[in-house]
Protein backbone atom coordinates (compact mmCIF):
# COMPACT_ATOMS: atom_id res chain seq x y z
CA UNK A 1 70.22 94.65 -16.68
CA UNK A 2 67.45 92.59 -16.77
CA UNK A 3 66.11 94.12 -19.70
CA UNK A 4 68.09 91.60 -22.38
CA UNK A 5 65.96 88.57 -22.09
CA UNK A 6 64.30 87.39 -24.84
CA UNK A 7 61.97 84.56 -25.18
CA UNK A 8 61.53 83.65 -28.46
CA UNK A 9 58.02 82.07 -29.92
CA UNK A 10 59.30 78.45 -31.73
CA UNK A 11 57.06 78.56 -35.09
CA UNK A 12 58.79 75.46 -36.60
CA UNK A 13 58.79 71.68 -34.35
CA UNK A 14 61.33 69.12 -35.34
CA UNK A 15 58.46 65.99 -36.66
CA UNK A 16 58.73 62.65 -34.64
CA UNK A 17 57.09 61.47 -37.92
CA UNK A 18 60.39 61.43 -39.89
CA UNK A 19 61.93 58.39 -37.85
CA UNK A 20 61.66 55.34 -39.93
CA UNK A 21 60.04 53.08 -37.20
CA UNK A 22 61.13 49.12 -37.46
CA UNK A 23 58.86 46.81 -36.63
CA UNK A 24 59.40 44.39 -33.36
CA UNK A 25 60.46 40.46 -34.31
CA UNK A 26 57.40 38.48 -36.08
CA UNK A 27 58.42 35.74 -33.42
CA UNK A 28 57.27 37.81 -30.87
CA UNK A 29 53.68 37.55 -31.79
CA UNK A 30 54.31 33.79 -30.29
CA UNK A 31 55.31 34.47 -27.44
CA UNK A 32 52.14 37.02 -26.59
CA UNK A 33 50.15 34.08 -27.91
CA UNK A 34 51.74 31.90 -25.82
CA UNK A 35 51.24 33.54 -22.73
CA UNK A 36 47.53 34.60 -23.30
CA UNK A 37 46.87 30.88 -23.74
CA UNK A 38 48.26 30.57 -20.57
CA UNK A 39 45.52 32.52 -18.87
CA UNK A 40 42.93 31.50 -20.62
CA UNK A 41 44.25 27.57 -19.54
CA UNK A 42 44.12 29.02 -16.00
CA UNK A 43 40.88 31.21 -16.32
CA UNK A 44 39.20 28.10 -18.10
CA UNK A 45 40.58 26.02 -14.71
CA UNK A 46 39.07 28.29 -12.25
CA UNK A 47 35.85 28.42 -14.24
CA UNK A 48 35.82 24.56 -14.21
CA UNK A 49 35.98 24.79 -10.52
CA UNK A 50 33.43 27.14 -9.95
CA UNK A 51 31.15 25.20 -11.90
CA UNK A 52 31.72 21.50 -11.39
CA UNK A 53 32.68 21.76 -7.49
CA UNK A 54 29.51 23.43 -6.48
CA UNK A 55 30.88 26.72 -5.14
CA UNK A 56 28.15 28.85 -6.16
CA UNK A 57 25.14 27.34 -6.98
CA UNK A 58 24.77 28.49 -11.04
CA UNK A 59 22.93 25.35 -11.77
CA UNK A 60 21.77 25.23 -15.92
CA UNK A 61 23.92 28.23 -15.96
CA UNK A 62 27.32 27.02 -15.95
CA UNK A 63 27.60 26.22 -19.58
CA UNK A 64 27.51 30.12 -20.08
CA UNK A 65 30.80 30.70 -17.86
CA UNK A 66 32.71 28.69 -20.75
CA UNK A 67 31.18 30.44 -23.53
CA UNK A 68 31.51 33.32 -22.39
CA UNK A 69 35.08 32.82 -21.16
CA UNK A 70 35.65 31.56 -24.69
CA UNK A 71 34.11 34.39 -26.11
CA UNK A 72 36.62 37.21 -24.18
CA UNK A 73 39.48 35.06 -25.06
CA UNK A 74 38.79 34.66 -28.81
CA UNK A 75 38.27 38.66 -29.00
CA UNK A 76 41.84 38.94 -26.74
CA UNK A 77 43.50 37.25 -28.98
CA UNK A 78 42.42 38.40 -32.45
CA UNK A 79 42.93 42.55 -30.76
CA UNK A 80 46.63 40.98 -30.08
CA UNK A 81 47.02 40.05 -33.31
CA UNK A 82 45.90 42.46 -34.79
CA UNK A 83 47.90 45.06 -32.27
CA UNK A 84 50.88 43.44 -32.77
CA UNK A 85 51.71 45.12 -35.92
CA UNK A 86 51.43 48.71 -34.67
CA UNK A 87 54.68 48.05 -32.68
CA UNK A 88 57.65 49.56 -33.85
CA UNK A 89 60.49 51.47 -32.36
CA UNK A 90 62.75 53.90 -33.80
CA UNK A 91 66.67 54.98 -32.73
CA UNK A 92 67.62 58.62 -34.05
CA UNK A 93 71.13 60.40 -33.18
CA UNK A 94 69.58 61.93 -29.71
CA UNK A 95 66.44 59.37 -28.66
CA UNK A 96 64.60 56.53 -29.43
CA UNK A 97 61.09 55.94 -29.72
CA UNK A 98 58.99 53.41 -29.23
CA UNK A 99 54.82 53.15 -30.09
CA UNK A 100 52.33 50.54 -29.83
CA UNK A 101 48.51 50.35 -29.65
CA UNK A 102 45.47 49.50 -31.33
CA UNK A 103 42.65 51.45 -29.42
CA UNK A 104 44.88 53.64 -26.96
CA UNK A 105 48.02 54.93 -28.77
CA UNK A 106 50.99 55.38 -27.37
CA UNK A 107 54.48 56.77 -28.58
CA UNK A 108 57.37 57.39 -25.78
CA UNK A 109 60.47 59.11 -27.03
CA UNK A 110 63.47 59.34 -24.37
CA UNK A 111 66.12 61.67 -25.11
CA UNK A 112 69.81 60.00 -24.34
CA UNK A 113 70.69 62.79 -22.34
CA UNK A 114 68.09 62.10 -19.81
CA UNK A 115 68.75 57.95 -19.47
CA UNK A 116 70.01 56.60 -16.72
CA UNK A 117 70.75 53.24 -17.42
CA UNK A 118 69.30 50.23 -19.89
CA UNK A 119 68.50 46.91 -18.98
CA UNK A 120 68.20 44.14 -21.27
CA UNK A 121 65.63 41.13 -19.90
CA UNK A 122 64.23 37.85 -20.87
CA UNK A 123 61.72 35.77 -19.57
CA UNK A 124 61.53 31.99 -20.42
CA UNK A 125 59.80 31.94 -23.38
CA UNK A 126 61.36 34.85 -24.49
CA UNK A 127 64.61 32.82 -24.56
CA UNK A 128 63.06 29.88 -26.64
CA UNK A 129 62.53 32.85 -29.24
CA UNK A 130 66.15 34.34 -28.08
CA UNK A 131 64.06 37.12 -28.29
CA UNK A 132 64.77 40.16 -25.37
CA UNK A 133 63.22 43.24 -23.33
CA UNK A 134 65.16 46.76 -23.95
CA UNK A 135 64.38 48.96 -20.88
CA UNK A 136 65.18 52.49 -20.88
CA UNK A 137 64.88 54.22 -17.24
CA UNK A 138 65.14 58.31 -16.69
CA UNK A 139 66.39 59.89 -13.53
CA UNK A 140 63.82 59.79 -10.72
CA UNK A 141 61.87 57.02 -11.04
CA UNK A 142 62.01 53.24 -10.23
CA UNK A 143 60.06 51.72 -13.20
CA UNK A 144 60.77 51.47 -16.74
CA UNK A 145 60.41 54.77 -18.86
CA UNK A 146 60.56 52.96 -21.97
CA UNK A 147 60.20 49.20 -22.54
CA UNK A 148 60.69 47.72 -25.82
CA UNK A 149 59.69 44.10 -25.87
CA UNK A 150 60.19 41.29 -28.51
CA UNK A 151 64.14 42.26 -30.21
CA UNK A 152 66.55 39.80 -31.45
CA UNK A 153 69.25 39.79 -28.71
CA UNK A 154 71.96 40.73 -31.00
CA UNK A 155 69.76 43.55 -32.00
CA UNK A 156 68.83 44.51 -28.29
CA UNK A 157 72.92 44.74 -27.26
CA UNK A 158 73.75 47.03 -30.42
CA UNK A 159 71.13 48.84 -29.37
CA UNK A 160 72.14 49.34 -25.73
CA UNK A 161 75.97 49.60 -26.77
CA UNK A 162 74.64 52.51 -29.21
CA UNK A 163 72.75 54.13 -26.43
CA UNK A 164 75.38 54.32 -24.01
CA UNK A 165 78.29 55.49 -26.11
CA UNK A 166 76.22 58.50 -26.67
CA UNK A 167 75.20 59.19 -23.02
CA UNK A 168 79.20 58.50 -21.81
CA UNK A 169 80.58 60.08 -24.85
């Protein structure tokens, strides 16, 4: 008989705030700032060609392109430095969490039983600092569900092995 069905009210929840979050490797800030400088150089080069090749009739206003460019990238640079301290990750017995964000805070938690596979990636600038990104993929999506950039290569390998053992065992 169906009368035995019960749907209990949940009144106490496990808290994610009990996780001890570890900060991202400090040398990853250099990678972030280097990439920001590369973008700044690219935008400045485009601004130079706009101003001096007369692609548009800017006249005396071309000076303001540089001022606005410097102001925007100084603000972005400053925000990246402050926001870097907010990047933290935590590994518990049954899940992995990552939080970031200065203005728009985001925390992602992926339980191990949902993980399909894990990848470790390393870009050319990160390789110089011996840093990698750990990407966690769950079923049904082609993009990574959780990506932690700025881990030491050895630490990422340990996390990957730990999660793989939890998934397999």
